[in-house]
Structure formats: C-alpha cells, structure tokens
Amino acid sequence: MNRRLTGRLSVAVLSAAILALIGAPVSASDSGNNNGNNNNNNGNNQSQHFFVIMMENTAYKGLIGNPNAPFINQAAQTYGLATNYYGVSHPSQPNYIAATSGALNGVFDDSDITINVPNIVDQLEARDRTWKGYMQSLSLCTTKLDHACGNQLYERKHNPFVSYADVQNDPARMANVVDLSQLGADLASGNVPNYSWISPDQCNDMHGRGGPTSDTCSFSHVQDLIATGDAFLKSTVRMIMSSDAWTDNSAIFITWDETDFPFVDVSGCCDAVPGGGHVVTLVITHSRHSHQTSDEAFNHYSLLATIQREWRLGCLANTCDKKNVKPMSDLVARED
C-alpha cells in the first residue's frame, strides 16, 4: 500500500530432480556450474546466512543525503550500494511476491490472496537450506492468516509466505513464519536459518499507519518514520553482525519495496516497466570490508536471482531471464 494512504548427481539428474520439486525452469549453469563466479567457493556451506530486510515506501532521493537516516547513509558509504535499483510495481504486495517467486503471479494489489506457484521456499528446501520469515508484530494476530493486527502494526501484505498455497497448507512450513521477537533468541542460540526474511511492522518500516496525527506512527510524520526506521535498521544489523551467525560469505540485503505515495515514480528496469520506482538497496557482506557501488540496473528479481545463484537454487519465472535480470554479483563478490 503506501505510507500516506492507508528473494553428487549428474547435472541432468539434479536438474530434473529440482524441476520436479519446484516446477520451475532450471538450467545446467544454475544447478551445478559456478560460471566463474568466485564468491561461492563452497556451494554446500550450510553455515552461510542471508538476511533480507524489506522496508517500505521510500524513494532513493528521500533517503540518500537525508540527515534523519544517518545509519543508512553511513552504510551506503561503507558497504555495498546499488544505485540503480527499482521496485517492480505499485502497491506493496506485488513487490513482496516478486521478490520471493520471481513474478507478480497475478497479484496487482494488497488484497489477501492465496496463489499456487513455485517460490523461494520450494527452492530452499529442495537444496536442504533452512528458512524463516520474521514478521514484526505477528504475535498480535489471532491467526497467521489475519489481514491486519495491532492497529495496522502488522499487515499480511508484507508477509509473502502465508500467501503461497504450499506454505499455507503445510503446518511445518507455517511454523517457520514467526514473530520478529524470535530473531534475537535464534541469533543467541545459534539456531539461525540459512535464509531469513525480515519484515518490520509499519511503525518501523517507514510505512506508517492511519489514525490521528498525534500518533507518532501516523502517515503524516514522514521524517519521524524515516528516523525510526533508520534506528530499527541500525539495531537489527548490529544484532546480526555481532552474532555467531555472521559467518564467512554471509550477507544482509536491505531494500525498499517501492517509492512513496503518490506513486508518480513508475520507473523500472530489467523488462519490468512500468516499475515501482527508484529505491535504495544496501548489501552488507561478511567477506567484503570496503565500500562498493554498482550502477547496474537491478530490481527485486535481481535480489532473488542473487540468492539463487549463490546457493545454486535454479531460477523462477523472471529470474530465468538471464538477458534482462542480472544477479548483484559485484556487490556480493569476495575480496581477495
């Protein structure tokens, strides 16, 4: 929505096995060939962790140089920054679906939906990778399928996993969709999955909620929401980086779903035009300790393609379009 309105078998056998499991095209290079990419020295490294933090409704120009976002700007000057990254659609939910399934898959608005399509969960489990979706304020809900909870703190549109039929109908998979409060305990115990998706609630993701202007979480407090979201990111990133889960080749991807309302910025890239506008995307890696920027054209499909390539998961829908959708290899590459 918007702030102001209310992702040893033979190659042939392995490819066929993954295809049967996830129902998506898999190429030989995706399945077992590193394609000369030196940042995946151990494709079976189960200690590797990827964290994806999806923020909300803020344009690139609204954050870079903004004094209310000191952590974001420091990170942009210290770690990896994609300067030419775009959302794929408006409003929110299509971007979440795109980042976890490689396509919009018929999702064009924020209505509660259930879709039966291959997704990142299928790919992760097919390669024995563990995963969790950490959703802030989910604990305020009666069920994990609730539309909104805690006076719009949690909203289902920001939780893509529960909208996939093969997650929704599998109790073991649904058990991996948890409140964000569990992240701290998982980091402390060393029980962190390979793939962690983090959705802050609407007071911490820069989105905001409806209600009186006296509410500090109101849509009307744009710069306050940015400052609060920036502080959330600083705290969360520091917690991850100070844990035992922060291992060699691990990475934190921070992006924004789309630009802010009104949705006048429909710029896009990578054969997804119109798109969701120009947004910030940060890549913090364990193995890289110097500032790196990339002006390659990326979007949420590129984010998913990056994780797929690093872990040799195969591809899904638009991430199979190698001509237009490029992984963010230059931002996750190891330093010698």
Protein backbone atom coordinates (compact mmCIF):
# COMPACT_ATOMS: atom_id res chain seq x y z
CA MET A 1 0.00 0.00 0.00
CA ASN A 2 1.53 3.35 0.85
CA ARG A 3 2.79 5.38 3.69
CA ARG A 4 0.27 8.05 3.46
CA LEU A 5 -2.85 6.21 2.48
CA THR A 6 -3.83 3.70 4.47
CA GLY A 7 14.47 -13.22 -2.53
CA ARG A 8 26.77 -35.79 -6.37
CA LEU A 9 24.28 -36.34 -9.05
CA SER A 10 24.87 -35.63 -12.68
CA VAL A 11 23.79 -32.21 -13.85
CA ALA A 12 20.94 -33.71 -15.82
CA VAL A 13 19.61 -35.79 -12.92
CA LEU A 14 19.97 -32.93 -10.47
CA SER A 15 18.18 -30.51 -12.78
CA ALA A 16 15.33 -32.94 -13.28
CA ALA A 17 15.05 -33.52 -9.53
CA ILE A 18 14.82 -29.83 -8.75
CA LEU A 19 12.39 -29.27 -11.57
CA ALA A 20 10.11 -31.95 -10.20
CA LEU A 21 10.23 -30.38 -6.75
CA ILE A 22 9.66 -26.74 -7.64
CA GLY A 23 8.10 -26.82 -11.09
CA ALA A 24 10.41 -24.12 -12.42
CA PRO A 25 12.96 -23.96 -15.22
CA VAL A 26 16.43 -24.98 -14.15
CA SER A 27 19.49 -24.60 -16.33
CA ALA A 28 22.71 -26.60 -16.09
CA SER A 29 24.60 -23.48 -15.08
CA ASP A 30 22.12 -22.80 -12.30
CA SER A 31 22.29 -26.33 -10.97
CA GLY A 32 25.95 -27.10 -10.69
CA ASN A 33 28.22 -24.71 -12.52
CA ASN A 34 29.69 -21.76 -10.69
CA ASN A 35 30.02 -19.93 -14.03
CA GLY A 36 33.36 -18.46 -12.99
CA ASN A 37 31.79 -16.71 -10.01
CA ASN A 38 34.45 -16.80 -7.30
CA ASN A 39 32.20 -15.64 -4.48
CA ASN A 40 30.68 -19.07 -3.96
CA ASN A 41 33.67 -21.19 -3.08
CA ASN A 42 31.53 -23.69 -1.21
CA GLY A 43 28.06 -24.15 -2.70
CA ASN A 44 27.17 -26.52 0.16
CA ASN A 45 28.28 -24.27 3.01
CA GLN A 46 25.36 -24.70 5.39
CA SER A 47 26.77 -22.11 7.80
CA GLN A 48 26.17 -19.35 5.27
CA HIS A 49 23.35 -16.98 6.12
CA PHE A 50 21.42 -14.48 4.01
CA PHE A 51 19.18 -11.91 5.68
CA VAL A 52 16.67 -9.93 3.62
CA ILE A 53 15.14 -6.86 5.29
CA MET A 54 12.26 -5.33 3.35
CA MET A 55 11.50 -1.73 4.21
CA GLU A 56 8.63 0.36 2.89
CA ASN A 57 7.59 3.19 0.65
CA THR A 58 10.61 5.46 0.49
CA ALA A 59 12.37 6.72 -2.61
CA TYR A 60 16.14 6.75 -3.12
CA LYS A 61 16.15 10.53 -3.20
CA GLY A 62 14.26 10.60 0.11
CA LEU A 63 16.98 8.67 1.95
CA ILE A 64 20.41 9.32 0.45
CA GLY A 65 21.63 12.55 2.00
CA ASN A 66 18.76 12.71 4.49
CA PRO A 67 20.07 13.66 7.98
CA ASN A 68 17.19 11.70 9.51
CA ALA A 69 18.74 8.47 8.14
CA PRO A 70 22.32 8.53 9.48
CA PHE A 71 22.77 4.75 9.64
CA ILE A 72 21.51 4.22 6.09
CA ASN A 73 23.82 6.89 4.73
CA GLN A 74 26.80 5.57 6.69
CA ALA A 75 26.08 2.05 5.41
CA ALA A 76 25.76 3.38 1.85
CA GLN A 77 29.26 4.85 2.17
CA THR A 78 30.75 1.79 3.92
CA TYR A 79 29.27 -1.33 2.36
CA GLY A 80 27.59 -2.21 -0.94
CA LEU A 81 25.13 0.20 -2.54
CA ALA A 82 23.06 -0.48 -5.65
CA THR A 83 22.49 2.98 -7.07
CA ASN A 84 20.21 1.89 -9.91
CA TYR A 85 17.73 -0.44 -8.18
CA TYR A 86 13.93 -0.39 -8.66
CA GLY A 87 10.74 -1.81 -7.26
CA VAL A 88 8.78 -3.83 -9.81
CA SER A 89 5.27 -2.50 -9.18
CA HIS A 90 2.88 -0.49 -7.02
CA PRO A 91 1.49 -1.03 -4.39
CA SER A 92 3.34 -3.13 -1.77
CA GLN A 93 2.23 -6.74 -2.05
CA PRO A 94 3.24 -7.36 -5.69
CA ASN A 95 6.82 -6.44 -4.76
CA TYR A 96 6.91 -8.96 -1.92
CA ILE A 97 5.53 -11.68 -4.19
CA ALA A 98 8.04 -10.76 -6.91
CA ALA A 99 10.99 -10.92 -4.50
CA THR A 100 10.04 -14.43 -3.36
CA SER A 101 8.60 -16.03 -6.51
CA GLY A 102 10.21 -14.21 -9.42
CA ALA A 103 6.97 -12.82 -10.85
CA LEU A 104 3.85 -10.86 -9.95
CA ASN A 105 1.85 -14.05 -10.49
CA GLY A 106 -1.41 -12.16 -10.95
CA VAL A 107 -1.00 -10.12 -7.77
CA PHE A 108 -1.63 -6.47 -8.52
CA ASP A 109 -2.97 -5.05 -5.24
CA ASP A 110 -2.88 -5.53 -1.46
CA SER A 111 -5.91 -7.82 -1.13
CA ASP A 112 -5.46 -11.07 0.80
CA ILE A 113 -4.62 -13.75 -1.74
CA THR A 114 -3.60 -17.39 -1.97
CA ILE A 115 -1.58 -18.39 -5.02
CA ASN A 116 -0.32 -21.81 -6.06
CA VAL A 117 3.06 -21.02 -7.64
CA PRO A 118 6.68 -22.14 -7.16
CA ASN A 119 8.51 -19.93 -4.69
CA ILE A 120 11.77 -19.46 -2.82
CA VAL A 121 10.66 -21.80 -0.02
CA ASP A 122 10.37 -24.68 -2.50
CA GLN A 123 13.83 -23.95 -3.83
CA LEU A 124 15.46 -23.63 -0.42
CA GLU A 125 14.01 -26.87 0.88
CA ALA A 126 14.91 -28.70 -2.32
CA ARG A 127 18.56 -27.82 -1.61
CA ASP A 128 18.31 -28.57 2.13
CA ARG A 129 18.51 -24.90 3.07
CA THR A 130 16.64 -23.74 6.15
CA TRP A 131 14.45 -20.63 6.23
CA LYS A 132 12.23 -18.44 8.38
CA GLY A 133 10.05 -15.41 7.86
CA TYR A 134 10.39 -13.00 10.80
CA MET A 135 7.35 -10.70 10.91
CA GLN A 136 7.28 -7.94 13.49
CA SER A 137 4.01 -7.71 15.48
CA LEU A 138 2.71 -11.01 14.08
CA SER A 139 2.30 -12.05 17.72
CA LEU A 140 -0.61 -9.58 17.95
CA CYS A 141 -2.61 -11.66 15.48
CA THR A 142 -5.13 -14.37 16.27
CA THR A 143 -4.03 -16.44 13.27
CA LYS A 144 -1.20 -16.18 10.77
CA LEU A 145 -3.74 -15.51 8.03
CA ASP A 146 -5.15 -12.37 9.66
CA HIS A 147 -5.35 -9.34 7.39
CA ALA A 148 -4.06 -6.80 9.92
CA CYS A 149 -3.25 -6.80 13.64
CA GLY A 150 -2.32 -4.34 16.38
CA ASN A 151 -3.98 -1.32 14.81
CA GLN A 152 -2.21 -1.87 11.49
CA LEU A 153 1.18 -2.61 13.00
CA TYR A 154 1.25 -5.96 11.20
CA GLU A 155 -0.28 -6.31 7.75
CA ARG A 156 -0.46 -9.53 5.76
CA LYS A 157 0.51 -7.77 2.53
CA HIS A 158 4.05 -7.52 3.95
CA ASN A 159 4.21 -11.28 4.64
CA PRO A 160 4.52 -13.06 1.29
CA PHE A 161 4.98 -16.58 2.65
CA VAL A 162 1.48 -17.09 4.02
CA SER A 163 0.03 -16.31 0.59
CA TYR A 164 1.69 -19.33 -1.07
CA ALA A 165 -0.67 -22.32 -1.03
CA ASP A 166 2.09 -24.85 -0.42
CA VAL A 167 3.24 -22.88 2.64
CA GLN A 168 -0.22 -22.03 3.89
CA ASN A 169 -1.33 -25.68 3.76
CA ASP A 170 1.77 -27.14 5.42
CA PRO A 171 1.92 -26.79 9.23
CA ALA A 172 5.68 -27.38 9.29
CA ARG A 173 6.24 -24.55 6.84
CA MET A 174 3.80 -22.25 8.60
CA ALA A 175 5.75 -22.87 11.80
CA ASN A 176 8.67 -21.10 10.10
CA VAL A 177 6.65 -17.88 9.88
CA VAL A 178 7.26 -16.29 13.27
CA ASP A 179 7.22 -13.01 15.14
CA LEU A 180 10.38 -10.92 14.76
CA SER A 181 10.97 -11.17 18.52
CA GLN A 182 12.24 -14.73 17.88
CA LEU A 183 15.19 -13.46 15.84
CA GLY A 184 17.14 -12.37 18.92
CA ALA A 185 16.68 -15.77 20.57
CA ASP A 186 17.67 -17.59 17.35
CA LEU A 187 20.79 -15.47 16.98
CA ALA A 188 21.74 -16.05 20.61
CA SER A 189 21.20 -19.82 20.42
CA GLY A 190 22.88 -20.25 17.04
CA ASN A 191 19.65 -21.62 15.63
CA VAL A 192 19.52 -19.22 12.68
CA PRO A 193 18.24 -20.45 9.32
CA ASN A 194 20.23 -20.06 6.12
CA TYR A 195 17.60 -17.67 4.73
CA SER A 196 15.96 -15.11 7.00
CA TRP A 197 13.33 -12.72 5.68
CA ILE A 198 12.61 -9.78 8.00
CA SER A 199 9.51 -7.56 7.70
CA PRO A 200 9.42 -4.76 10.30
CA ASP A 201 6.00 -3.56 11.37
CA GLN A 202 4.50 -0.38 9.97
CA CYS A 203 5.97 1.81 12.70
CA ASN A 204 9.50 0.58 11.92
CA ASP A 205 9.46 0.00 8.15
CA MET A 206 8.89 3.71 7.28
CA HIS A 207 5.34 2.99 6.10
CA GLY A 208 3.24 4.31 8.97
CA ARG A 209 -0.47 3.80 9.59
CA GLY A 210 -3.72 5.66 9.59
CA GLY A 211 -5.10 7.49 12.59
CA PRO A 212 -4.72 10.82 14.38
CA THR A 213 -1.67 12.95 13.77
CA SER A 214 -0.91 12.66 17.49
CA ASP A 215 0.13 9.06 16.78
CA THR A 216 3.90 9.07 16.19
CA CYS A 217 3.30 6.23 13.74
CA SER A 218 0.91 8.31 11.64
CA PHE A 219 1.39 8.61 7.89
CA SER A 220 1.78 12.34 8.42
CA HIS A 221 5.09 12.02 10.30
CA VAL A 222 7.20 11.18 7.27
CA GLN A 223 10.60 12.24 8.60
CA ASP A 224 9.92 10.72 12.03
CA LEU A 225 9.07 7.42 10.34
CA ILE A 226 12.33 7.59 8.40
CA ALA A 227 14.29 8.26 11.61
CA THR A 228 12.53 5.40 13.42
CA GLY A 229 13.14 3.02 10.51
CA ASP A 230 16.79 4.04 10.36
CA ALA A 231 17.20 3.30 14.08
CA PHE A 232 15.48 -0.08 13.61
CA LEU A 233 17.91 -0.99 10.84
CA LYS A 234 20.93 0.08 12.89
CA SER A 235 19.83 -2.04 15.86
CA THR A 236 18.89 -5.09 13.76
CA VAL A 237 22.02 -5.06 11.61
CA ARG A 238 24.27 -4.69 14.66
CA MET A 239 22.49 -7.59 16.37
CA ILE A 240 23.05 -9.82 13.32
CA MET A 241 26.67 -8.78 12.80
CA SER A 242 27.57 -9.35 16.45
CA SER A 243 26.16 -12.91 16.44
CA ASP A 244 27.78 -16.25 15.57
CA ALA A 245 25.50 -16.36 12.51
CA TRP A 246 27.63 -13.67 10.88
CA THR A 247 29.89 -16.14 9.10
CA ASP A 248 32.07 -16.12 6.00
CA ASN A 249 30.09 -15.31 2.82
CA SER A 250 27.00 -14.28 4.81
CA ALA A 251 25.16 -11.16 3.71
CA ILE A 252 22.43 -8.74 4.71
CA PHE A 253 20.28 -7.30 1.91
CA ILE A 254 18.29 -4.18 2.81
CA THR A 255 15.83 -2.83 0.27
CA TRP A 256 12.59 -0.89 -0.01
CA ASP A 257 9.53 -2.30 -1.74
CA GLU A 258 8.65 0.81 -3.75
CA THR A 259 8.80 4.60 -3.78
CA ASP A 260 6.43 6.71 -1.71
CA PHE A 261 2.89 7.94 -2.39
CA PRO A 262 1.70 9.43 -4.65
CA PHE A 263 3.06 6.75 -6.95
CA VAL A 264 4.28 9.15 -9.61
CA ASP A 265 7.58 7.30 -9.90
CA VAL A 266 6.80 4.23 -12.01
CA SER A 267 10.33 3.86 -13.32
CA GLY A 268 11.67 0.34 -13.55
CA CYS A 269 14.22 -1.84 -15.22
CA CYS A 270 15.05 -5.32 -16.32
CA ASP A 271 12.00 -5.81 -18.52
CA ALA A 272 9.69 -4.79 -15.64
CA VAL A 273 8.45 -1.43 -16.90
CA PRO A 274 6.48 0.32 -15.51
CA GLY A 275 8.02 -0.45 -12.17
CA GLY A 276 7.86 0.58 -8.54
CA GLY A 277 10.32 3.43 -8.73
CA HIS A 278 13.93 4.09 -7.74
CA VAL A 279 14.79 2.79 -4.25
CA VAL A 280 17.85 2.24 -2.07
CA THR A 281 19.34 -1.25 -1.81
CA LEU A 282 22.23 -1.99 0.55
CA VAL A 283 24.33 -5.16 0.59
CA ILE A 284 26.40 -5.82 3.71
CA THR A 285 28.67 -8.85 3.46
CA HIS A 286 30.91 -10.60 5.95
CA SER A 287 33.72 -11.11 3.45
CA ARG A 288 33.83 -7.60 1.99
CA HIS A 289 35.21 -4.79 4.10
CA SER A 290 35.42 -1.96 1.58
CA HIS A 291 32.86 0.33 0.03
CA GLN A 292 31.42 -0.87 -3.28
CA THR A 293 28.78 0.69 -5.50
CA SER A 294 27.07 -0.70 -8.56
CA ASP A 295 25.21 1.28 -11.19
CA GLU A 296 23.93 -1.88 -12.92
CA ALA A 297 20.16 -1.90 -13.42
CA PHE A 298 18.65 -4.15 -10.70
CA ASN A 299 15.22 -4.81 -9.22
CA HIS A 300 13.59 -7.28 -6.83
CA TYR A 301 14.04 -10.08 -9.37
CA SER A 302 17.77 -9.35 -9.25
CA LEU A 303 17.76 -9.74 -5.47
CA LEU A 304 16.10 -13.14 -5.77
CA ALA A 305 18.47 -14.11 -8.61
CA THR A 306 21.46 -13.23 -6.43
CA ILE A 307 20.41 -15.64 -3.70
CA GLN A 308 19.51 -18.32 -6.25
CA ARG A 309 22.91 -18.06 -7.89
CA GLU A 310 24.88 -18.04 -4.66
CA TRP A 311 23.16 -21.22 -3.49
CA ARG A 312 22.63 -22.82 -6.93
CA LEU A 313 18.87 -22.99 -6.43
CA GLY A 314 17.85 -22.71 -10.06
CA CYS A 315 15.58 -19.95 -11.28
CA LEU A 316 11.93 -18.89 -11.09
CA ALA A 317 9.95 -17.05 -13.77
CA ASN A 318 11.69 -13.73 -14.44
CA THR A 319 14.94 -14.79 -12.78
CA CYS A 320 15.31 -17.25 -15.67
CA ASP A 321 15.57 -14.24 -18.00
CA LYS A 322 19.36 -14.01 -17.97
CA LYS A 323 19.36 -11.24 -20.57
CA ASN A 324 17.38 -8.74 -18.53
CA VAL A 325 17.67 -9.89 -14.91
CA LYS A 326 21.21 -9.85 -13.55
CA PRO A 327 22.26 -11.01 -10.08
CA MET A 328 24.05 -8.45 -7.92
CA SER A 329 27.32 -10.36 -8.21
CA ASP A 330 29.55 -7.29 -7.95
CA LEU A 331 28.09 -6.43 -4.54
CA VAL A 332 28.43 -9.90 -3.01
CA ALA A 333 31.82 -10.84 -4.50
CA ARG A 334 34.54 -11.85 -2.07
CA GLU A 335 37.56 -9.68 -1.58
CA ASP A 336 40.92 -11.37 -2.14
